[in-house]
């Protein structure tokens, strides 16, 4: 069941944007043309773990968290193409790892999850 939000006031925290971005990414994983079902489920699980980790970051880290979410989205969108471009996948994967590295001091698990996402996408697309 989807979350229901009734909101008013100042929306400076990007937590809602991050959650919706990564929820959309999880849905994109199901539409992927490549890889096996078990690997796609693993990727969905990793995206969920990333979403949870990013939502628990302090407000001052929200810009970096949004960069991680958007980069993960770009990687999964590139992987979801009918014929994924391996160069774009490599660049997007490196970008995700670099964006996650910016949060290493605040939440090291984001770096680990991002690296696992990159490896799983490579496995799904044969870009590894």
N, C-alpha and C. Protein backbone atom coordinates (compact mmCIF):
# COMPACT_ATOMS: atom_id res chain seq x y z
N UNK A 1 0.84 -1.17 0.00
CA UNK A 1 0.00 0.00 0.00
C UNK A 1 0.89 1.24 0.00
N UNK A 2 0.55 2.22 -0.75
CA UNK A 2 1.35 3.44 -0.86
C UNK A 2 1.22 4.28 0.39
N UNK A 3 2.28 5.04 0.68
CA UNK A 3 2.24 5.97 1.79
C UNK A 3 1.35 7.14 1.44
N UNK A 4 0.63 7.67 2.45
CA UNK A 4 -0.20 8.83 2.23
C UNK A 4 0.38 9.97 3.05
N UNK A 5 0.59 11.11 2.42
CA UNK A 5 1.17 12.26 3.08
C UNK A 5 0.22 13.45 2.99
N UNK A 6 -0.03 14.08 4.11
CA UNK A 6 -0.74 15.35 4.15
C UNK A 6 0.26 16.35 4.66
N UNK A 7 0.62 17.32 3.83
CA UNK A 7 1.73 18.19 4.18
C UNK A 7 1.37 19.65 4.01
N UNK A 8 2.01 20.47 4.83
CA UNK A 8 1.93 21.91 4.69
C UNK A 8 3.20 22.49 5.27
N UNK A 9 3.52 23.71 4.87
CA UNK A 9 4.70 24.37 5.43
C UNK A 9 5.91 24.31 4.52
N UNK A 10 7.07 24.42 5.13
CA UNK A 10 8.35 24.52 4.43
C UNK A 10 8.90 23.13 4.13
N UNK A 11 9.29 22.86 2.90
CA UNK A 11 9.76 21.53 2.49
C UNK A 11 11.24 21.52 2.18
N UNK A 12 12.06 22.06 3.03
CA UNK A 12 13.49 22.12 2.76
C UNK A 12 14.15 20.75 2.81
N UNK A 13 13.67 19.85 3.62
CA UNK A 13 14.24 18.50 3.68
C UNK A 13 13.84 17.71 2.45
N UNK A 14 14.79 17.03 1.82
CA UNK A 14 14.54 16.32 0.57
C UNK A 14 14.16 14.86 0.79
N UNK A 15 13.84 14.48 2.00
CA UNK A 15 13.55 13.08 2.30
C UNK A 15 12.43 12.55 1.43
N UNK A 16 11.39 13.31 1.22
CA UNK A 16 10.25 12.85 0.42
C UNK A 16 10.66 12.65 -1.03
N UNK A 17 11.45 13.57 -1.57
CA UNK A 17 11.92 13.43 -2.94
C UNK A 17 12.79 12.18 -3.09
N UNK A 18 13.64 11.93 -2.12
CA UNK A 18 14.52 10.77 -2.18
C UNK A 18 13.68 9.49 -2.15
N UNK A 19 12.71 9.42 -1.26
CA UNK A 19 11.89 8.21 -1.16
C UNK A 19 11.14 7.96 -2.46
N UNK A 20 10.53 9.01 -3.02
CA UNK A 20 9.77 8.80 -4.25
C UNK A 20 10.69 8.47 -5.42
N UNK A 21 11.86 9.10 -5.46
CA UNK A 21 12.83 8.79 -6.52
C UNK A 21 13.22 7.32 -6.48
N UNK A 22 13.56 6.82 -5.30
CA UNK A 22 14.01 5.44 -5.21
C UNK A 22 12.87 4.44 -5.29
N UNK A 23 11.65 4.84 -4.93
CA UNK A 23 10.49 3.98 -5.15
C UNK A 23 10.29 3.79 -6.65
N UNK A 24 10.42 4.86 -7.40
CA UNK A 24 10.31 4.77 -8.86
C UNK A 24 11.42 3.91 -9.44
N UNK A 25 12.61 3.99 -8.86
CA UNK A 25 13.73 3.16 -9.32
C UNK A 25 13.41 1.69 -9.09
N UNK A 26 12.86 1.36 -7.93
CA UNK A 26 12.50 -0.03 -7.66
C UNK A 26 11.49 -0.54 -8.69
N UNK A 27 10.56 0.30 -9.07
CA UNK A 27 9.57 -0.10 -10.06
C UNK A 27 10.23 -0.30 -11.43
N UNK A 28 11.24 0.49 -11.73
CA UNK A 28 11.95 0.36 -13.00
C UNK A 28 12.71 -0.96 -13.08
N UNK A 29 13.18 -1.44 -11.95
CA UNK A 29 13.93 -2.70 -11.93
C UNK A 29 13.06 -3.83 -12.46
N UNK A 30 11.79 -3.84 -12.09
CA UNK A 30 10.88 -4.88 -12.55
C UNK A 30 10.66 -4.86 -14.05
N UNK A 31 10.90 -3.71 -14.67
CA UNK A 31 10.70 -3.58 -16.11
C UNK A 31 11.97 -3.88 -16.91
N UNK A 32 13.02 -4.27 -16.24
CA UNK A 32 14.29 -4.51 -16.95
C UNK A 32 14.15 -5.67 -17.92
N UNK A 33 14.83 -5.54 -19.04
CA UNK A 33 14.79 -6.56 -20.10
C UNK A 33 15.86 -7.63 -19.90
N UNK A 34 16.85 -7.35 -19.08
CA UNK A 34 17.98 -8.27 -18.96
C UNK A 34 18.05 -8.89 -17.58
N UNK A 35 18.83 -9.95 -17.47
CA UNK A 35 19.07 -10.59 -16.19
C UNK A 35 17.97 -11.53 -15.76
N UNK A 36 18.24 -12.22 -14.68
CA UNK A 36 17.29 -13.20 -14.16
C UNK A 36 16.48 -12.57 -13.03
N UNK A 37 15.38 -13.22 -12.70
CA UNK A 37 14.44 -12.71 -11.69
C UNK A 37 15.10 -12.55 -10.32
N UNK A 38 15.92 -13.51 -9.92
CA UNK A 38 16.56 -13.45 -8.60
C UNK A 38 17.48 -12.24 -8.50
N UNK A 39 18.20 -11.96 -9.55
CA UNK A 39 19.11 -10.81 -9.54
C UNK A 39 18.32 -9.51 -9.54
N UNK A 40 17.21 -9.46 -10.26
CA UNK A 40 16.37 -8.26 -10.24
C UNK A 40 15.79 -8.05 -8.84
N UNK A 41 15.38 -9.12 -8.18
CA UNK A 41 14.87 -9.00 -6.80
C UNK A 41 15.96 -8.50 -5.86
N UNK A 42 17.18 -8.98 -6.06
CA UNK A 42 18.31 -8.53 -5.24
C UNK A 42 18.53 -7.02 -5.45
N UNK A 43 18.44 -6.57 -6.70
CA UNK A 43 18.61 -5.15 -6.98
C UNK A 43 17.50 -4.33 -6.32
N UNK A 44 16.27 -4.82 -6.39
CA UNK A 44 15.16 -4.13 -5.72
C UNK A 44 15.41 -4.02 -4.22
N UNK A 45 15.91 -5.09 -3.63
CA UNK A 45 16.22 -5.10 -2.19
C UNK A 45 17.31 -4.07 -1.87
N UNK A 46 18.33 -4.01 -2.70
CA UNK A 46 19.42 -3.05 -2.49
C UNK A 46 18.93 -1.61 -2.62
N UNK A 47 18.07 -1.36 -3.60
CA UNK A 47 17.51 -0.01 -3.77
C UNK A 47 16.69 0.36 -2.53
N UNK A 48 15.94 -0.58 -1.99
CA UNK A 48 15.18 -0.35 -0.77
C UNK A 48 16.08 -0.03 0.42
N UNK A 49 17.18 -0.77 0.53
CA UNK A 49 18.14 -0.53 1.61
C UNK A 49 18.78 0.85 1.46
N UNK A 50 19.08 1.23 0.22
CA UNK A 50 19.64 2.55 -0.03
C UNK A 50 18.65 3.64 0.35
N UNK A 51 17.40 3.45 0.00
CA UNK A 51 16.36 4.41 0.34
C UNK A 51 16.27 4.60 1.85
N UNK A 52 16.25 3.50 2.59
CA UNK A 52 16.18 3.57 4.05
C UNK A 52 17.38 4.31 4.63
N UNK A 53 18.56 3.99 4.12
CA UNK A 53 19.77 4.63 4.62
C UNK A 53 19.75 6.14 4.35
N UNK A 54 19.36 6.52 3.14
CA UNK A 54 19.35 7.94 2.78
C UNK A 54 18.32 8.71 3.59
N UNK A 55 17.20 8.09 3.90
CA UNK A 55 16.15 8.77 4.66
C UNK A 55 16.57 9.03 6.10
N UNK A 56 17.53 8.27 6.60
CA UNK A 56 17.93 8.45 8.00
C UNK A 56 19.11 9.41 8.16
N UNK A 57 19.53 10.02 7.07
CA UNK A 57 20.64 10.97 7.13
C UNK A 57 20.20 12.29 7.75
N UNK A 58 21.11 13.01 8.39
CA UNK A 58 20.76 14.31 8.93
C UNK A 58 20.46 15.31 7.81
N UNK A 59 19.71 16.35 8.16
CA UNK A 59 19.26 17.34 7.18
C UNK A 59 20.42 17.96 6.41
N UNK A 60 21.55 18.17 7.05
CA UNK A 60 22.68 18.81 6.37
C UNK A 60 23.30 17.92 5.28
N UNK A 61 22.92 16.66 5.23
CA UNK A 61 23.44 15.75 4.21
C UNK A 61 22.45 15.49 3.08
N UNK A 62 21.33 16.19 3.07
CA UNK A 62 20.26 15.91 2.11
C UNK A 62 20.68 16.17 0.66
N UNK A 63 21.50 17.17 0.43
CA UNK A 63 21.93 17.44 -0.95
C UNK A 63 22.74 16.28 -1.50
N UNK A 64 23.66 15.74 -0.68
CA UNK A 64 24.45 14.58 -1.10
C UNK A 64 23.56 13.35 -1.24
N UNK A 65 22.59 13.21 -0.35
CA UNK A 65 21.67 12.07 -0.43
C UNK A 65 20.86 12.13 -1.72
N UNK A 66 20.42 13.32 -2.09
CA UNK A 66 19.66 13.47 -3.33
C UNK A 66 20.53 13.12 -4.54
N UNK A 67 21.81 13.48 -4.48
CA UNK A 67 22.73 13.14 -5.57
C UNK A 67 22.86 11.62 -5.71
N UNK A 68 22.94 10.93 -4.59
CA UNK A 68 23.03 9.46 -4.62
C UNK A 68 21.75 8.88 -5.23
N UNK A 69 20.60 9.36 -4.79
CA UNK A 69 19.32 8.85 -5.29
C UNK A 69 19.18 9.09 -6.79
N UNK A 70 19.51 10.29 -7.24
CA UNK A 70 19.38 10.60 -8.66
C UNK A 70 20.38 9.81 -9.51
N UNK A 71 21.57 9.58 -8.98
CA UNK A 71 22.57 8.81 -9.73
C UNK A 71 22.16 7.33 -9.80
N UNK A 72 21.59 6.82 -8.72
CA UNK A 72 21.08 5.44 -8.74
C UNK A 72 19.96 5.32 -9.77
N UNK A 73 19.11 6.34 -9.83
CA UNK A 73 18.02 6.36 -10.81
C UNK A 73 18.58 6.32 -12.23
N UNK A 74 19.59 7.14 -12.50
CA UNK A 74 20.19 7.18 -13.84
C UNK A 74 20.80 5.83 -14.21
N UNK A 75 21.45 5.18 -13.25
CA UNK A 75 22.06 3.88 -13.51
C UNK A 75 21.00 2.84 -13.86
N UNK A 76 19.94 2.78 -13.07
CA UNK A 76 18.89 1.78 -13.32
C UNK A 76 18.16 2.09 -14.63
N UNK A 77 17.93 3.36 -14.92
CA UNK A 77 17.29 3.70 -16.20
C UNK A 77 18.16 3.27 -17.37
N UNK A 78 19.47 3.48 -17.27
CA UNK A 78 20.38 3.05 -18.34
C UNK A 78 20.36 1.52 -18.47
N UNK A 79 20.30 0.83 -17.34
CA UNK A 79 20.29 -0.64 -17.35
C UNK A 79 18.97 -1.19 -17.87
N UNK A 80 17.91 -0.40 -17.77
CA UNK A 80 16.58 -0.85 -18.19
C UNK A 80 16.36 -0.74 -19.70
N UNK A 81 17.28 -0.11 -20.39
CA UNK A 81 17.14 0.02 -21.84
C UNK A 81 17.11 -1.36 -22.49
N UNK A 82 16.48 -1.43 -23.65
CA UNK A 82 16.41 -2.72 -24.34
C UNK A 82 17.80 -3.27 -24.65
N UNK A 83 18.70 -2.37 -25.07
CA UNK A 83 20.10 -2.74 -25.28
C UNK A 83 20.95 -1.75 -24.48
N UNK A 84 21.22 -2.07 -23.19
CA UNK A 84 21.96 -1.13 -22.34
C UNK A 84 23.34 -0.78 -22.92
N UNK A 85 23.67 0.50 -22.89
CA UNK A 85 24.96 1.00 -23.35
C UNK A 85 25.98 0.79 -22.23
N UNK A 86 26.95 -0.08 -22.46
CA UNK A 86 27.89 -0.45 -21.41
C UNK A 86 28.75 0.72 -20.95
N UNK A 87 29.05 1.65 -21.85
CA UNK A 87 29.83 2.82 -21.45
C UNK A 87 29.02 3.71 -20.52
N UNK A 88 27.75 3.92 -20.83
CA UNK A 88 26.90 4.72 -19.95
C UNK A 88 26.73 4.02 -18.60
N UNK A 89 26.58 2.69 -18.62
CA UNK A 89 26.46 1.95 -17.36
C UNK A 89 27.72 2.12 -16.50
N UNK A 90 28.87 2.05 -17.13
CA UNK A 90 30.13 2.20 -16.39
C UNK A 90 30.25 3.60 -15.80
N UNK A 91 29.95 4.61 -16.60
CA UNK A 91 30.02 5.99 -16.12
C UNK A 91 29.01 6.24 -15.00
N UNK A 92 27.78 5.75 -15.18
CA UNK A 92 26.75 5.93 -14.15
C UNK A 92 27.11 5.19 -12.87
N UNK A 93 27.67 4.00 -13.01
CA UNK A 93 28.08 3.22 -11.84
C UNK A 93 29.19 3.92 -11.06
N UNK A 94 30.17 4.44 -11.78
CA UNK A 94 31.25 5.18 -11.11
C UNK A 94 30.70 6.44 -10.45
N UNK A 95 29.74 7.09 -11.11
CA UNK A 95 29.11 8.28 -10.53
C UNK A 95 28.37 7.96 -9.25
N UNK A 96 27.67 6.83 -9.23
CA UNK A 96 26.95 6.42 -8.03
C UNK A 96 27.93 6.16 -6.89
N UNK A 97 29.01 5.46 -7.18
CA UNK A 97 29.99 5.17 -6.13
C UNK A 97 30.62 6.47 -5.62
N UNK A 98 30.90 7.40 -6.52
CA UNK A 98 31.50 8.67 -6.12
C UNK A 98 30.51 9.50 -5.28
N UNK A 99 29.25 9.54 -5.69
CA UNK A 99 28.24 10.28 -4.93
C UNK A 99 28.09 9.67 -3.53
N UNK A 100 28.11 8.34 -3.45
CA UNK A 100 27.98 7.66 -2.16
C UNK A 100 29.20 7.96 -1.28
N UNK A 101 30.35 8.06 -1.89
CA UNK A 101 31.58 8.33 -1.14
C UNK A 101 31.49 9.65 -0.38
N UNK A 102 30.72 10.60 -0.91
CA UNK A 102 30.53 11.88 -0.22
C UNK A 102 29.81 11.72 1.11
N UNK A 103 29.16 10.59 1.32
CA UNK A 103 28.43 10.33 2.57
C UNK A 103 29.16 9.34 3.47
N UNK A 104 30.36 8.94 3.08
CA UNK A 104 31.10 7.91 3.82
C UNK A 104 31.33 8.30 5.28
N UNK A 105 31.59 9.56 5.54
CA UNK A 105 31.85 9.99 6.91
C UNK A 105 30.61 10.00 7.78
N UNK A 106 29.44 10.20 7.15
CA UNK A 106 28.18 10.29 7.89
C UNK A 106 27.52 8.92 8.01
N UNK A 107 27.54 8.16 6.90
CA UNK A 107 26.89 6.85 6.89
C UNK A 107 27.65 5.93 5.92
N UNK A 108 28.66 5.23 6.43
CA UNK A 108 29.48 4.36 5.57
C UNK A 108 28.70 3.28 4.83
N UNK A 109 27.56 2.86 5.37
CA UNK A 109 26.79 1.79 4.73
C UNK A 109 26.30 2.20 3.34
N UNK A 110 26.12 3.50 3.11
CA UNK A 110 25.67 3.96 1.79
C UNK A 110 26.69 3.59 0.72
N UNK A 111 27.98 3.69 1.06
CA UNK A 111 29.04 3.34 0.11
C UNK A 111 28.96 1.85 -0.23
N UNK A 112 28.77 1.02 0.78
CA UNK A 112 28.68 -0.43 0.57
C UNK A 112 27.47 -0.78 -0.29
N UNK A 113 26.32 -0.20 0.04
CA UNK A 113 25.09 -0.49 -0.72
C UNK A 113 25.24 -0.03 -2.16
N UNK A 114 25.79 1.17 -2.37
CA UNK A 114 25.96 1.69 -3.73
C UNK A 114 26.87 0.77 -4.54
N UNK A 115 27.96 0.30 -3.94
CA UNK A 115 28.87 -0.62 -4.64
C UNK A 115 28.17 -1.92 -5.00
N UNK A 116 27.31 -2.43 -4.10
CA UNK A 116 26.57 -3.65 -4.38
C UNK A 116 25.56 -3.42 -5.51
N UNK A 117 24.96 -2.24 -5.56
CA UNK A 117 24.02 -1.91 -6.64
C UNK A 117 24.75 -1.93 -7.97
N UNK A 118 25.93 -1.31 -8.02
CA UNK A 118 26.71 -1.27 -9.26
C UNK A 118 27.06 -2.68 -9.71
N UNK A 119 27.50 -3.53 -8.78
CA UNK A 119 27.84 -4.92 -9.14
C UNK A 119 26.63 -5.70 -9.62
N UNK A 120 25.50 -5.49 -8.99
CA UNK A 120 24.28 -6.20 -9.36
C UNK A 120 23.78 -5.76 -10.75
N UNK A 121 23.86 -4.45 -11.03
CA UNK A 121 23.47 -3.95 -12.36
C UNK A 121 24.41 -4.56 -13.41
N UNK A 122 25.70 -4.62 -13.10
CA UNK A 122 26.66 -5.20 -14.05
C UNK A 122 26.31 -6.66 -14.31
N UNK A 123 25.92 -7.38 -13.27
CA UNK A 123 25.54 -8.78 -13.42
C UNK A 123 24.28 -8.92 -14.29
N UNK A 124 23.31 -8.03 -14.06
CA UNK A 124 22.06 -8.07 -14.83
C UNK A 124 22.28 -7.78 -16.31
N UNK A 125 23.16 -6.87 -16.59
CA UNK A 125 23.33 -6.39 -17.98
C UNK A 125 24.51 -7.01 -18.70
N UNK A 126 25.31 -7.79 -17.99
CA UNK A 126 26.50 -8.37 -18.61
C UNK A 126 27.58 -7.34 -18.83
N UNK A 127 27.52 -6.23 -18.10
CA UNK A 127 28.49 -5.15 -18.28
C UNK A 127 29.66 -5.29 -17.31
N UNK A 128 29.70 -6.37 -16.57
CA UNK A 128 30.74 -6.52 -15.55
C UNK A 128 32.03 -7.04 -16.07
